[in-house]
Amino acid sequence: MNDVLPKKPSRWFYLLGAMIAIAGLAFFIFTLVSFFGVLFKGFENSHQFAVPGGDEFTLSEAGRYTVYYEYESVLGNKVYRTGEKLPLIEVFLKNKQTGKKIDITSSAASQTYSMGSRSGIAMFDFIAKLPGEYKLYAKYAEGRSGPEIVLSVQKGFDDFVGGIFKTIALSFVILFGSFAIAALIIIFTLIKRSDSFKKGIDQAKAPLKS
């Protein structure tokens, strides 16, 4: 009687490995596209103000925020190009609900951005301990006068960078993890099928046992 041929893994395992790799790649692309989409939307929804003057705005969450001087900007139907030199201005901020004044400090880093028709330089930082409505007012310092300029309040640079690193790190972990799992499945299947094939040939060549 002939020996029973060793059982070999199904070819479907190759497809399983490929599907895992494709799923990891798709999640990687989706995560990055979604993140930058949210980032761009957040930039477009930043709070802009014409100075001298001010306005009220709402912060959806507590955290560190930065006040940027936008030397190239569009506010309403007006285009601003006021030069990159930082203006000498004073900024005042308070929580509208509590009436408490919010401390504002000069920005520690010279952060800049340029996106579309808007370019800005970081001027001030502040920490909002509570979400809610705030009121900002700014004027030229020491009674000076100057052209109308645009300020923009956006999420702090540290939170921005932290979000980028976390998102990219998570995306790469999932991408390489899925590729590693897919490779292990495919290699394991290939080895087992190869061993099964070789054993089958060896059994076919062996003399029949009585």
Foldseek 3Di string as FASTA:
>chain_A
DFDDFDDADDPVLLVVLVVLLVVLVVVLVVLVVVVVVVVVVQVVPWDKDKPQWKDKDWFPFWFKKWKKWKCFDADDNDTHHNDDDDAAKDKWKDAPVVRDTWDKDFDPDFDWDDDDRTIITTGIMTTGPGTTMMIMHMYHPPPDDDDITMMTMHHDPVVVVVVVVVSNVVSVCSNVVSNVVSVVSVVVSVVRVVVSVVSVVVSVPDDDDD
